[in-house]
Amino acid sequence: KSPSNTNYASSVKDRFTISRDNVKNTVYLQ
């Protein structure tokens, strides 16, 4: 719920970024 709390698998860390936009009710995975 707090967007600063994220976690990543070691295989994707530094390549993938998760983010959320509660206004758009959407979560992204770059």
mmCIF file of all heavy atoms, coordinates in Angstrom:
data_MODEL
# 
_entry.id   MODEL 
# 
loop_
_atom_site.group_PDB 
_atom_site.id 
_atom_site.type_symbol 
_atom_site.label_atom_id 
_atom_site.label_alt_id 
_atom_site.label_comp_id 
_atom_site.label_asym_id 
_atom_site.label_entity_id 
_atom_site.label_seq_id 
_atom_site.pdbx_PDB_ins_code 
_atom_site.Cartn_x 
_atom_site.Cartn_y 
_atom_site.Cartn_z 
_atom_site.occupancy 
_atom_site.B_iso_or_equiv 
_atom_site.pdbx_formal_charge 
_atom_site.auth_seq_id 
_atom_site.auth_comp_id 
_atom_site.auth_asym_id 
_atom_site.auth_atom_id 
_atom_site.pdbx_PDB_model_num 
ATOM 1   N N   . LYS A 1 1  ? 0.839  -1.193  0.000   1.00 0.00 ? 1  LYS A N   1 
ATOM 2   C CA  . LYS A 1 1  ? 0.000  0.000   0.000   1.00 0.00 ? 1  LYS A CA  1 
ATOM 3   C C   . LYS A 1 1  ? 0.873  1.241   0.000   1.00 0.00 ? 1  LYS A C   1 
ATOM 4   O O   . LYS A 1 1  ? 0.574  2.235   -0.671  1.00 0.00 ? 1  LYS A O   1 
ATOM 5   C CB  . LYS A 1 1  ? -0.907 -0.016  1.232   1.00 0.00 ? 1  LYS A CB  1 
ATOM 6   C CG  . LYS A 1 1  ? -1.673 1.258   1.461   1.00 0.00 ? 1  LYS A CG  1 
ATOM 7   C CD  . LYS A 1 1  ? -2.548 1.158   2.682   1.00 0.00 ? 1  LYS A CD  1 
ATOM 8   C CE  . LYS A 1 1  ? -3.314 2.460   2.901   1.00 0.00 ? 1  LYS A CE  1 
ATOM 9   N NZ  . LYS A 1 1  ? -4.278 2.334   4.011   1.00 0.00 ? 1  LYS A NZ  1 
ATOM 10  N N   . SER A 1 2  ? 1.945  1.205   0.742   1.00 0.00 ? 2  SER A N   1 
ATOM 11  C CA  . SER A 1 2  ? 2.926  2.281   0.721   1.00 0.00 ? 2  SER A CA  1 
ATOM 12  C C   . SER A 1 2  ? 3.834  2.081   -0.482  1.00 0.00 ? 2  SER A C   1 
ATOM 13  O O   . SER A 1 2  ? 4.551  1.085   -0.561  1.00 0.00 ? 2  SER A O   1 
ATOM 14  C CB  . SER A 1 2  ? 3.757  2.266   2.003   1.00 0.00 ? 2  SER A CB  1 
ATOM 15  O OG  . SER A 1 2  ? 4.812  3.190   1.916   1.00 0.00 ? 2  SER A OG  1 
ATOM 16  N N   . PRO A 1 3  ? 3.813  2.979   -1.447  1.00 0.00 ? 3  PRO A N   1 
ATOM 17  C CA  . PRO A 1 3  ? 4.571  2.740   -2.688  1.00 0.00 ? 3  PRO A CA  1 
ATOM 18  C C   . PRO A 1 3  ? 6.078  2.658   -2.505  1.00 0.00 ? 3  PRO A C   1 
ATOM 19  O O   . PRO A 1 3  ? 6.787  2.190   -3.412  1.00 0.00 ? 3  PRO A O   1 
ATOM 20  C CB  . PRO A 1 3  ? 4.183  3.937   -3.566  1.00 0.00 ? 3  PRO A CB  1 
ATOM 21  C CG  . PRO A 1 3  ? 3.661  4.966   -2.638  1.00 0.00 ? 3  PRO A CG  1 
ATOM 22  C CD  . PRO A 1 3  ? 3.071  4.250   -1.476  1.00 0.00 ? 3  PRO A CD  1 
ATOM 23  N N   . SER A 1 4  ? 6.578  3.084   -1.347  1.00 0.00 ? 4  SER A N   1 
ATOM 24  C CA  . SER A 1 4  ? 8.026  2.978   -1.116  1.00 0.00 ? 4  SER A CA  1 
ATOM 25  C C   . SER A 1 4  ? 8.433  1.574   -0.711  1.00 0.00 ? 4  SER A C   1 
ATOM 26  O O   . SER A 1 4  ? 9.617  1.241   -0.712  1.00 0.00 ? 4  SER A O   1 
ATOM 27  C CB  . SER A 1 4  ? 8.456  3.977   -0.044  1.00 0.00 ? 4  SER A CB  1 
ATOM 28  O OG  . SER A 1 4  ? 7.803  3.703   1.176   1.00 0.00 ? 4  SER A OG  1 
ATOM 29  N N   . ASN A 1 5  ? 7.467  0.743   -0.351  1.00 0.00 ? 5  ASN A N   1 
ATOM 30  C CA  . ASN A 1 5  ? 7.752  -0.653  0.013   1.00 0.00 ? 5  ASN A CA  1 
ATOM 31  C C   . ASN A 1 5  ? 7.583  -1.536  -1.194  1.00 0.00 ? 5  ASN A C   1 
ATOM 32  O O   . ASN A 1 5  ? 6.468  -1.885  -1.591  1.00 0.00 ? 5  ASN A O   1 
ATOM 33  C CB  . ASN A 1 5  ? 6.823  -1.107  1.144   1.00 0.00 ? 5  ASN A CB  1 
ATOM 34  C CG  . ASN A 1 5  ? 7.270  -0.600  2.498   1.00 0.00 ? 5  ASN A CG  1 
ATOM 35  O OD1 . ASN A 1 5  ? 8.439  -0.315  2.698   1.00 0.00 ? 5  ASN A OD1 1 
ATOM 36  N ND2 . ASN A 1 5  ? 6.346  -0.491  3.424   1.00 0.00 ? 5  ASN A ND2 1 
ATOM 37  N N   . THR A 1 6  ? 8.697  -1.884  -1.797  1.00 0.00 ? 6  THR A N   1 
ATOM 38  C CA  . THR A 1 6  ? 8.698  -2.780  -2.946  1.00 0.00 ? 6  THR A CA  1 
ATOM 39  C C   . THR A 1 6  ? 9.682  -3.915  -2.705  1.00 0.00 ? 6  THR A C   1 
ATOM 40  O O   . THR A 1 6  ? 10.578 -3.811  -1.857  1.00 0.00 ? 6  THR A O   1 
ATOM 41  C CB  . THR A 1 6  ? 9.093  -2.032  -4.235  1.00 0.00 ? 6  THR A CB  1 
ATOM 42  O OG1 . THR A 1 6  ? 10.401 -1.481  -4.074  1.00 0.00 ? 6  THR A OG1 1 
ATOM 43  C CG2 . THR A 1 6  ? 8.114  -0.909  -4.543  1.00 0.00 ? 6  THR A CG2 1 
ATOM 44  N N   . ASN A 1 7  ? 9.521  -4.969  -3.458  1.00 0.00 ? 7  ASN A N   1 
ATOM 45  C CA  . ASN A 1 7  ? 10.398 -6.121  -3.330  1.00 0.00 ? 7  ASN A CA  1 
ATOM 46  C C   . ASN A 1 7  ? 10.557 -6.745  -4.705  1.00 0.00 ? 7  ASN A C   1 
ATOM 47  O O   . ASN A 1 7  ? 9.625  -6.705  -5.528  1.00 0.00 ? 7  ASN A O   1 
ATOM 48  C CB  . ASN A 1 7  ? 9.792  -7.120  -2.337  1.00 0.00 ? 7  ASN A CB  1 
ATOM 49  C CG  . ASN A 1 7  ? 10.846 -7.992  -1.694  1.00 0.00 ? 7  ASN A CG  1 
ATOM 50  O OD1 . ASN A 1 7  ? 11.990 -8.028  -2.130  1.00 0.00 ? 7  ASN A OD1 1 
ATOM 51  N ND2 . ASN A 1 7  ? 10.463 -8.696  -0.640  1.00 0.00 ? 7  ASN A ND2 1 
ATOM 52  N N   . TYR A 1 8  ? 11.730 -7.308  -4.952  1.00 0.00 ? 8  TYR A N   1 
ATOM 53  C CA  . TYR A 1 8  ? 12.021 -7.880  -6.262  1.00 0.00 ? 8  TYR A CA  1 
ATOM 54  C C   . TYR A 1 8  ? 12.734 -9.220  -6.113  1.00 0.00 ? 8  TYR A C   1 
ATOM 55  O O   . TYR A 1 8  ? 13.543 -9.410  -5.190  1.00 0.00 ? 8  TYR A O   1 
ATOM 56  C CB  . TYR A 1 8  ? 12.934 -6.949  -7.072  1.00 0.00 ? 8  TYR A CB  1 
ATOM 57  C CG  . TYR A 1 8  ? 12.324 -5.607  -7.399  1.00 0.00 ? 8  TYR A CG  1 
ATOM 58  C CD1 . TYR A 1 8  ? 12.485 -4.527  -6.550  1.00 0.00 ? 8  TYR A CD1 1 
ATOM 59  C CD2 . TYR A 1 8  ? 11.578 -5.431  -8.561  1.00 0.00 ? 8  TYR A CD2 1 
ATOM 60  C CE1 . TYR A 1 8  ? 11.918 -3.302  -6.835  1.00 0.00 ? 8  TYR A CE1 1 
ATOM 61  C CE2 . TYR A 1 8  ? 11.011 -4.202  -8.864  1.00 0.00 ? 8  TYR A CE2 1 
ATOM 62  C CZ  . TYR A 1 8  ? 11.180 -3.147  -7.994  1.00 0.00 ? 8  TYR A CZ  1 
ATOM 63  O OH  . TYR A 1 8  ? 10.616 -1.924  -8.290  1.00 0.00 ? 8  TYR A OH  1 
ATOM 64  N N   . ALA A 1 9  ? 12.456 -10.116 -7.043  1.00 0.00 ? 9  ALA A N   1 
ATOM 65  C CA  . ALA A 1 9  ? 13.259 -11.325 -7.136  1.00 0.00 ? 9  ALA A CA  1 
ATOM 66  C C   . ALA A 1 9  ? 14.665 -10.937 -7.573  1.00 0.00 ? 9  ALA A C   1 
ATOM 67  O O   . ALA A 1 9  ? 14.857 -9.973  -8.328  1.00 0.00 ? 9  ALA A O   1 
ATOM 68  C CB  . ALA A 1 9  ? 12.639 -12.287 -8.148  1.00 0.00 ? 9  ALA A CB  1 
ATOM 69  N N   . SER A 1 10 ? 15.658 -11.683 -7.127  1.00 0.00 ? 10 SER A N   1 
ATOM 70  C CA  . SER A 1 10 ? 17.044 -11.340 -7.442  1.00 0.00 ? 10 SER A CA  1 
ATOM 71  C C   . SER A 1 10 ? 17.296 -11.378 -8.950  1.00 0.00 ? 10 SER A C   1 
ATOM 72  O O   . SER A 1 10 ? 18.126 -10.630 -9.470  1.00 0.00 ? 10 SER A O   1 
ATOM 73  C CB  . SER A 1 10 ? 17.999 -12.292 -6.725  1.00 0.00 ? 10 SER A CB  1 
ATOM 74  O OG  . SER A 1 10 ? 17.724 -13.633 -7.075  1.00 0.00 ? 10 SER A OG  1 
ATOM 75  N N   . SER A 1 11 ? 16.533 -12.203 -9.662  1.00 0.00 ? 11 SER A N   1 
ATOM 76  C CA  . SER A 1 11 ? 16.745 -12.358 -11.101 1.00 0.00 ? 11 SER A CA  1 
ATOM 77  C C   . SER A 1 11 ? 16.300 -11.136 -11.903 1.00 0.00 ? 11 SER A C   1 
ATOM 78  O O   . SER A 1 11 ? 16.684 -10.991 -13.064 1.00 0.00 ? 11 SER A O   1 
ATOM 79  C CB  . SER A 1 11 ? 15.997 -13.592 -11.609 1.00 0.00 ? 11 SER A CB  1 
ATOM 80  O OG  . SER A 1 11 ? 14.605 -13.477 -11.337 1.00 0.00 ? 11 SER A OG  1 
ATOM 81  N N   . VAL A 1 12 ? 15.492 -10.269 -11.297 1.00 0.00 ? 12 VAL A N   1 
ATOM 82  C CA  . VAL A 1 12 ? 14.985 -9.114  -12.033 1.00 0.00 ? 12 VAL A CA  1 
ATOM 83  C C   . VAL A 1 12 ? 15.393 -7.789  -11.393 1.00 0.00 ? 12 VAL A C   1 
ATOM 84  O O   . VAL A 1 12 ? 15.133 -6.720  -11.975 1.00 0.00 ? 12 VAL A O   1 
ATOM 85  C CB  . VAL A 1 12 ? 13.439 -9.151  -12.160 1.00 0.00 ? 12 VAL A CB  1 
ATOM 86  C CG1 . VAL A 1 12 ? 12.997 -10.477 -12.770 1.00 0.00 ? 12 VAL A CG1 1 
ATOM 87  C CG2 . VAL A 1 12 ? 12.756 -8.922  -10.820 1.00 0.00 ? 12 VAL A CG2 1 
ATOM 88  N N   . LYS A 1 13 ? 15.994 -7.862  -10.240 1.00 0.00 ? 13 LYS A N   1 
ATOM 89  C CA  . LYS A 1 13 ? 16.378 -6.628  -9.562  1.00 0.00 ? 13 LYS A CA  1 
ATOM 90  C C   . LYS A 1 13 ? 17.323 -5.821  -10.444 1.00 0.00 ? 13 LYS A C   1 
ATOM 91  O O   . LYS A 1 13 ? 18.187 -6.372  -11.117 1.00 0.00 ? 13 LYS A O   1 
ATOM 92  C CB  . LYS A 1 13 ? 17.046 -6.968  -8.229  1.00 0.00 ? 13 LYS A CB  1 
ATOM 93  C CG  . LYS A 1 13 ? 16.999 -5.837  -7.225  1.00 0.00 ? 13 LYS A CG  1 
ATOM 94  C CD  . LYS A 1 13 ? 17.411 -6.327  -5.850  1.00 0.00 ? 13 LYS A CD  1 
ATOM 95  C CE  . LYS A 1 13 ? 17.237 -5.215  -4.836  1.00 0.00 ? 13 LYS A CE  1 
ATOM 96  N NZ  . LYS A 1 13 ? 17.614 -5.638  -3.471  1.00 0.00 ? 13 LYS A NZ  1 
ATOM 97  N N   . ASP A 1 14 ? 17.155 -4.515  -10.460 1.00 0.00 ? 14 ASP A N   1 
ATOM 98  C CA  . ASP A 1 14 ? 17.942 -3.580  -11.278 1.00 0.00 ? 14 ASP A CA  1 
ATOM 99  C C   . ASP A 1 14 ? 17.531 -3.578  -12.732 1.00 0.00 ? 14 ASP A C   1 
ATOM 100 O O   . ASP A 1 14 ? 18.067 -2.780  -13.520 1.00 0.00 ? 14 ASP A O   1 
ATOM 101 C CB  . ASP A 1 14 ? 19.449 -3.861  -11.176 1.00 0.00 ? 14 ASP A CB  1 
ATOM 102 C CG  . ASP A 1 14 ? 19.980 -3.710  -9.766  1.00 0.00 ? 14 ASP A CG  1 
ATOM 103 O OD1 . ASP A 1 14 ? 19.441 -2.875  -9.022  1.00 0.00 ? 14 ASP A OD1 1 
ATOM 104 O OD2 . ASP A 1 14 ? 20.917 -4.450  -9.409  1.00 0.00 ? 14 ASP A OD2 1 
ATOM 105 N N   . ARG A 1 15 ? 16.578 -4.442  -13.128 1.00 0.00 ? 15 ARG A N   1 
ATOM 106 C CA  . ARG A 1 15 ? 16.056 -4.423  -14.500 1.00 0.00 ? 15 ARG A CA  1 
ATOM 107 C C   . ARG A 1 15 ? 14.567 -4.092  -14.525 1.00 0.00 ? 15 ARG A C   1 
ATOM 108 O O   . ARG A 1 15 ? 14.087 -3.473  -15.474 1.00 0.00 ? 15 ARG A O   1 
ATOM 109 C CB  . ARG A 1 15 ? 16.278 -5.765  -15.184 1.00 0.00 ? 15 ARG A CB  1 
ATOM 110 C CG  . ARG A 1 15 ? 17.733 -6.143  -15.347 1.00 0.00 ? 15 ARG A CG  1 
ATOM 111 C CD  . ARG A 1 15 ? 17.885 -7.378  -16.240 1.00 0.00 ? 15 ARG A CD  1 
ATOM 112 N NE  . ARG A 1 15 ? 17.221 -8.550  -15.672 1.00 0.00 ? 15 ARG A NE  1 
ATOM 113 C CZ  . ARG A 1 15 ? 16.284 -9.254  -16.303 1.00 0.00 ? 15 ARG A CZ  1 
ATOM 114 N NH1 . ARG A 1 15 ? 15.876 -8.900  -17.508 1.00 0.00 ? 15 ARG A NH1 1 
ATOM 115 N NH2 . ARG A 1 15 ? 15.744 -10.322 -15.720 1.00 0.00 ? 15 ARG A NH2 1 
ATOM 116 N N   . PHE A 1 16 ? 13.830 -4.526  -13.493 1.00 0.00 ? 16 PHE A N   1 
ATOM 117 C CA  . PHE A 1 16 ? 12.389 -4.308  -13.434 1.00 0.00 ? 16 PHE A CA  1 
ATOM 118 C C   . PHE A 1 16 ? 12.071 -3.277  -12.360 1.00 0.00 ? 16 PHE A C   1 
ATOM 119 O O   . PHE A 1 16 ? 12.742 -3.219  -11.326 1.00 0.00 ? 16 PHE A O   1 
ATOM 120 C CB  . PHE A 1 16 ? 11.663 -5.608  -13.097 1.00 0.00 ? 16 PHE A CB  1 
ATOM 121 C CG  . PHE A 1 16 ? 11.695 -6.662  -14.170 1.00 0.00 ? 16 PHE A CG  1 
ATOM 122 C CD1 . PHE A 1 16 ? 12.486 -6.541  -15.307 1.00 0.00 ? 16 PHE A CD1 1 
ATOM 123 C CD2 . PHE A 1 16 ? 10.908 -7.801  -14.043 1.00 0.00 ? 16 PHE A CD2 1 
ATOM 124 C CE1 . PHE A 1 16 ? 12.503 -7.523  -16.284 1.00 0.00 ? 16 PHE A CE1 1 
ATOM 125 C CE2 . PHE A 1 16 ? 10.908 -8.797  -15.006 1.00 0.00 ? 16 PHE A CE2 1 
ATOM 126 C CZ  . PHE A 1 16 ? 11.716 -8.652  -16.129 1.00 0.00 ? 16 PHE A CZ  1 
ATOM 127 N N   . THR A 1 17 ? 11.024 -2.506  -12.602 1.00 0.00 ? 17 THR A N   1 
ATOM 128 C CA  . THR A 1 17 ? 10.555 -1.532  -11.623 1.00 0.00 ? 17 THR A CA  1 
ATOM 129 C C   . THR A 1 17 ? 9.041  -1.614  -11.513 1.00 0.00 ? 17 THR A C   1 
ATOM 130 O O   . THR A 1 17 ? 8.333  -1.530  -12.528 1.00 0.00 ? 17 THR A O   1 
ATOM 131 C CB  . THR A 1 17 ? 10.949 -0.100  -12.021 1.00 0.00 ? 17 THR A CB  1 
ATOM 132 O OG1 . THR A 1 17 ? 12.371 -0.019  -12.173 1.00 0.00 ? 17 THR A OG1 1 
ATOM 133 C CG2 . THR A 1 17 ? 10.511 0.888   -10.945 1.00 0.00 ? 17 THR A CG2 1 
ATOM 134 N N   . ILE A 1 18 ? 8.572  -1.783  -10.293 1.00 0.00 ? 18 ILE A N   1 
ATOM 135 C CA  . ILE A 1 18 ? 7.136  -1.820  -10.041 1.00 0.00 ? 18 ILE A CA  1 
ATOM 136 C C   . ILE A 1 18 ? 6.698  -0.456  -9.524  1.00 0.00 ? 18 ILE A C   1 
ATOM 137 O O   . ILE A 1 18 ? 7.438  0.207   -8.789  1.00 0.00 ? 18 ILE A O   1 
ATOM 138 C CB  . ILE A 1 18 ? 6.779  -2.947  -9.038  1.00 0.00 ? 18 ILE A CB  1 
ATOM 139 C CG1 . ILE A 1 18 ? 5.267  -3.189  -9.005  1.00 0.00 ? 18 ILE A CG1 1 
ATOM 140 C CG2 . ILE A 1 18 ? 7.336  -2.659  -7.654  1.00 0.00 ? 18 ILE A CG2 1 
ATOM 141 C CD1 . ILE A 1 18 ? 4.883  -4.450  -8.228  1.00 0.00 ? 18 ILE A CD1 1 
ATOM 142 N N   . SER A 1 19 ? 5.507  -0.044  -9.931  1.00 0.00 ? 19 SER A N   1 
ATOM 143 C CA  . SER A 1 19 ? 4.975  1.230   -9.465  1.00 0.00 ? 19 SER A CA  1 
ATOM 144 C C   . SER A 1 19 ? 3.452  1.148   -9.450  1.00 0.00 ? 19 SER A C   1 
ATOM 145 O O   . SER A 1 19 ? 2.865  0.250   -10.062 1.00 0.00 ? 19 SER A O   1 
ATOM 146 C CB  . SER A 1 19 ? 5.446  2.380   -10.362 1.00 0.00 ? 19 SER A CB  1 
ATOM 147 O OG  . SER A 1 19 ? 4.975  2.213   -11.687 1.00 0.00 ? 19 SER A OG  1 
ATOM 148 N N   . ARG A 1 20 ? 2.839  2.088   -8.748  1.00 0.00 ? 20 ARG A N   1 
ATOM 149 C CA  . ARG A 1 20 ? 1.381  2.084   -8.685  1.00 0.00 ? 20 ARG A CA  1 
ATOM 150 C C   . ARG A 1 20 ? 0.842  3.483   -8.893  1.00 0.00 ? 20 ARG A C   1 
ATOM 151 O O   . ARG A 1 20 ? 1.481  4.465   -8.494  1.00 0.00 ? 20 ARG A O   1 
ATOM 152 C CB  . ARG A 1 20 ? 0.888  1.519   -7.351  1.00 0.00 ? 20 ARG A CB  1 
ATOM 153 C CG  . ARG A 1 20 ? 1.280  2.275   -6.117  1.00 0.00 ? 20 ARG A CG  1 
ATOM 154 C CD  . ARG A 1 20 ? 0.960  1.461   -4.861  1.00 0.00 ? 20 ARG A CD  1 
ATOM 155 N NE  . ARG A 1 20 ? -0.457 1.149   -4.781  1.00 0.00 ? 20 ARG A NE  1 
ATOM 156 C CZ  . ARG A 1 20 ? -0.959 0.077   -4.177  1.00 0.00 ? 20 ARG A CZ  1 
ATOM 157 N NH1 . ARG A 1 20 ? -0.158 -0.795  -3.603  1.00 0.00 ? 20 ARG A NH1 1 
ATOM 158 N NH2 . ARG A 1 20 ? -2.259 -0.124  -4.142  1.00 0.00 ? 20 ARG A NH2 1 
ATOM 159 N N   . ASP A 1 21 ? -0.309 3.564   -9.516  1.00 0.00 ? 21 ASP A N   1 
ATOM 160 C CA  . ASP A 1 21 ? -1.015 4.819   -9.732  1.00 0.00 ? 21 ASP A CA  1 
ATOM 161 C C   . ASP A 1 21 ? -2.428 4.605   -9.209  1.00 0.00 ? 21 ASP A C   1 
ATOM 162 O O   . ASP A 1 21 ? -3.280 4.056   -9.918  1.00 0.00 ? 21 ASP A O   1 
ATOM 163 C CB  . ASP A 1 21 ? -1.019 5.193   -11.214 1.00 0.00 ? 21 ASP A CB  1 
ATOM 164 C CG  . ASP A 1 21 ? -1.640 6.554   -11.490 1.00 0.00 ? 21 ASP A CG  1 
ATOM 165 O OD1 . ASP A 1 21 ? -2.451 7.024   -10.660 1.00 0.00 ? 21 ASP A OD1 1 
ATOM 166 O OD2 . ASP A 1 21 ? -1.328 7.140   -12.534 1.00 0.00 ? 21 ASP A OD2 1 
ATOM 167 N N   . ASN A 1 22 ? -2.670 5.017   -7.987  1.00 0.00 ? 22 ASN A N   1 
ATOM 168 C CA  . ASN A 1 22 ? -3.975 4.768   -7.377  1.00 0.00 ? 22 ASN A CA  1 
ATOM 169 C C   . ASN A 1 22 ? -5.084 5.577   -8.034  1.00 0.00 ? 22 ASN A C   1 
ATOM 170 O O   . ASN A 1 22 ? -6.253 5.192   -7.962  1.00 0.00 ? 22 ASN A O   1 
ATOM 171 C CB  . ASN A 1 22 ? -3.928 5.060   -5.881  1.00 0.00 ? 22 ASN A CB  1 
ATOM 172 C CG  . ASN A 1 22 ? -3.157 3.995   -5.106  1.00 0.00 ? 22 ASN A CG  1 
ATOM 173 O OD1 . ASN A 1 22 ? -2.790 2.958   -5.665  1.00 0.00 ? 22 ASN A OD1 1 
ATOM 174 N ND2 . ASN A 1 22 ? -2.900 4.264   -3.848  1.00 0.00 ? 22 ASN A ND2 1 
ATOM 175 N N   . VAL A 1 23 ? -4.744 6.681   -8.678  1.00 0.00 ? 23 VAL A N   1 
ATOM 176 C CA  . VAL A 1 23 ? -5.765 7.467   -9.387  1.00 0.00 ? 23 VAL A CA  1 
ATOM 177 C C   . VAL A 1 23 ? -6.281 6.664   -10.582 1.00 0.00 ? 23 VAL A C   1 
ATOM 178 O O   . VAL A 1 23 ? -7.482 6.612   -10.838 1.00 0.00 ? 23 VAL A O   1 
ATOM 179 C CB  . VAL A 1 23 ? -5.196 8.818   -9.837  1.00 0.00 ? 23 VAL A CB  1 
ATOM 180 C CG1 . VAL A 1 23 ? -6.198 9.556   -10.710 1.00 0.00 ? 23 VAL A CG1 1 
ATOM 181 C CG2 . VAL A 1 23 ? -4.815 9.661   -8.627  1.00 0.00 ? 23 VAL A CG2 1 
ATOM 182 N N   . LYS A 1 24 ? -5.349 6.017   -11.287 1.00 0.00 ? 24 LYS A N   1 
ATOM 183 C CA  . LYS A 1 24 ? -5.736 5.193   -12.434 1.00 0.00 ? 24 LYS A CA  1 
ATOM 184 C C   . LYS A 1 24 ? -6.095 3.774   -12.018 1.00 0.00 ? 24 LYS A C   1 
ATOM 185 O O   . LYS A 1 24 ? -6.456 2.955   -12.878 1.00 0.00 ? 24 LYS A O   1 
ATOM 186 C CB  . LYS A 1 24 ? -4.613 5.169   -13.470 1.00 0.00 ? 24 LYS A CB  1 
ATOM 187 C CG  . LYS A 1 24 ? -4.351 6.523   -14.109 1.00 0.00 ? 24 LYS A CG  1 
ATOM 188 C CD  . LYS A 1 24 ? -3.299 6.424   -15.191 1.00 0.00 ? 24 LYS A CD  1 
ATOM 189 C CE  . LYS A 1 24 ? -3.096 7.779   -15.869 1.00 0.00 ? 24 LYS A CE  1 
ATOM 190 N NZ  . LYS A 1 24 ? -2.062 7.719   -16.933 1.00 0.00 ? 24 LYS A NZ  1 
ATOM 191 N N   . ASN A 1 25 ? -5.937 3.477   -10.715 1.00 0.00 ? 25 ASN A N   1 
ATOM 192 C CA  . ASN A 1 25 ? -6.259 2.136   -10.212 1.00 0.00 ? 25 ASN A CA  1 
ATOM 193 C C   . ASN A 1 25 ? -5.472 1.053   -10.953 1.00 0.00 ? 25 ASN A C   1 
ATOM 194 O O   . ASN A 1 25 ? -6.003 -0.016  -11.283 1.00 0.00 ? 25 ASN A O   1 
ATOM 195 C CB  . ASN A 1 25 ? -7.759 1.866   -10.321 1.00 0.00 ? 25 ASN A CB  1 
ATOM 196 C CG  . ASN A 1 25 ? -8.318 1.168   -9.104  1.00 0.00 ? 25 ASN A CG  1 
ATOM 197 O OD1 . ASN A 1 25 ? -7.791 1.302   -8.002  1.00 0.00 ? 25 ASN A OD1 1 
ATOM 198 N ND2 . ASN A 1 25 ? -9.398 0.427   -9.289  1.00 0.00 ? 25 ASN A ND2 1 
ATOM 199 N N   . THR A 1 26 ? -4.199 1.340   -11.166 1.00 0.00 ? 26 THR A N   1 
ATOM 200 C CA  . THR A 1 26 ? -3.359 0.475   -11.990 1.00 0.00 ? 26 THR A CA  1 
ATOM 201 C C   . THR A 1 26 ? -1.975 0.343   -11.372 1.00 0.00 ? 26 THR A C   1 
ATOM 202 O O   . THR A 1 26 ? -1.454 1.306   -10.800 1.00 0.00 ? 26 THR A O   1 
ATOM 203 C CB  . THR A 1 26 ? -3.244 1.040   -13.418 1.00 0.00 ? 26 THR A CB  1 
ATOM 204 O OG1 . THR A 1 26 ? -4.545 1.139   -13.996 1.00 0.00 ? 26 THR A OG1 1 
ATOM 205 C CG2 . THR A 1 26 ? -2.382 0.150   -14.299 1.00 0.00 ? 26 THR A CG2 1 
ATOM 206 N N   . VAL A 1 27 ? -1.404 -0.834  -11.494 1.00 0.00 ? 27 VAL A N   1 
ATOM 207 C CA  . VAL A 1 27 ? -0.026 -1.090  -11.104 1.00 0.00 ? 27 VAL A CA  1 
ATOM 208 C C   . VAL A 1 27 ? 0.754  -1.465  -12.363 1.00 0.00 ? 27 VAL A C   1 
ATOM 209 O O   . VAL A 1 27 ? 0.232  -2.167  -13.233 1.00 0.00 ? 27 VAL A O   1 
ATOM 210 C CB  . VAL A 1 27 ? 0.055  -2.208  -10.054 1.00 0.00 ? 27 VAL A CB  1 
ATOM 211 C CG1 . VAL A 1 27 ? 1.496  -2.641  -9.817  1.00 0.00 ? 27 VAL A CG1 1 
ATOM 212 C CG2 . VAL A 1 27 ? -0.574 -1.744  -8.750  1.00 0.00 ? 27 VAL A CG2 1 
ATOM 213 N N   . TYR A 1 28 ? 1.982  -0.996  -12.435 1.00 0.00 ? 28 TYR A N   1 
ATOM 214 C CA  . TYR A 1 28 ? 2.808  -1.204  -13.615 1.00 0.00 ? 28 TYR A CA  1 
ATOM 215 C C   . TYR A 1 28 ? 4.049  -2.023  -13.267 1.00 0.00 ? 28 TYR A C   1 
ATOM 216 O O   . TYR A 1 28 ? 4.540  -1.990  -12.131 1.00 0.00 ? 28 TYR A O   1 
ATOM 217 C CB  . TYR A 1 28 ? 3.251  0.136   -14.199 1.00 0.00 ? 28 TYR A CB  1 
ATOM 218 C CG  . TYR A 1 28 ? 2.109  1.043   -14.561 1.00 0.00 ? 28 TYR A CG  1 
ATOM 219 C CD1 . TYR A 1 28 ? 1.716  2.069   -13.705 1.00 0.00 ? 28 TYR A CD1 1 
ATOM 220 C CD2 . TYR A 1 28 ? 1.410  0.876   -15.753 1.00 0.00 ? 28 TYR A CD2 1 
ATOM 221 C CE1 . TYR A 1 28 ? 0.650  2.909   -14.022 1.00 0.00 ? 28 TYR A CE1 1 
ATOM 222 C CE2 . TYR A 1 28 ? 0.351  1.709   -16.087 1.00 0.00 ? 28 TYR A CE2 1 
ATOM 223 C CZ  . TYR A 1 28 ? -0.016 2.711   -15.209 1.00 0.00 ? 28 TYR A CZ  1 
ATOM 224 O OH  . TYR A 1 28 ? -1.071 3.543   -15.532 1.00 0.00 ? 28 TYR A OH  1 
ATOM 225 N N   . LEU A 1 29 ? 4.557  -2.717  -14.265 1.00 0.00 ? 29 LEU A N   1 
ATOM 226 C CA  . LEU A 1 29 ? 5.849  -3.384  -14.150 1.00 0.00 ? 29 LEU A CA  1 
ATOM 227 C C   . LEU A 1 29 ? 6.664  -2.979  -15.375 1.00 0.00 ? 29 LEU A C   1 
ATOM 228 O O   . LEU A 1 29 ? 6.390  -3.446  -16.488 1.00 0.00 ? 29 LEU A O   1 
ATOM 229 C CB  . LEU A 1 29 ? 5.700  -4.901  -14.080 1.00 0.00 ? 29 LEU A CB  1 
ATOM 230 C CG  . LEU A 1 29 ? 6.996  -5.662  -13.840 1.00 0.00 ? 29 LEU A CG  1 
ATOM 231 C CD1 . LEU A 1 29 ? 7.522  -5.388  -12.424 1.00 0.00 ? 29 LEU A CD1 1 
ATOM 232 C CD2 . LEU A 1 29 ? 6.816  -7.165  -14.049 1.00 0.00 ? 29 LEU A CD2 1 
ATOM 233 N N   . GLN A 1 30 ? 7.617  -2.096  -15.161 1.00 0.00 ? 30 GLN A N   1 
ATOM 234 C CA  . GLN A 1 30 ? 8.512  -1.676  -16.237 1.00 0.00 ? 30 GLN A CA  1 
ATOM 235 C C   . GLN A 1 30 ? 9.657  -2.668  -16.303 1.00 0.00 ? 30 GLN A C   1 
ATOM 236 O O   . GLN A 1 30 ? 10.348 -2.888  -15.305 1.00 0.00 ? 30 GLN A O   1 
ATOM 237 C CB  . GLN A 1 30 ? 9.042  -0.263  -15.974 1.00 0.00 ? 30 GLN A CB  1 
ATOM 238 C CG  . GLN A 1 30 ? 10.009 0.230   -17.029 1.00 0.00 ? 30 GLN A CG  1 
ATOM 239 C CD  . GLN A 1 30 ? 9.325  0.488   -18.361 1.00 0.00 ? 30 GLN A CD  1 
ATOM 240 O OE1 . GLN A 1 30 ? 8.337  1.200   -18.442 1.00 0.00 ? 30 GLN A OE1 1 
ATOM 241 N NE2 . GLN A 1 30 ? 9.867  -0.096  -19.425 1.00 0.00 ? 30 GLN A NE2 1 
# 
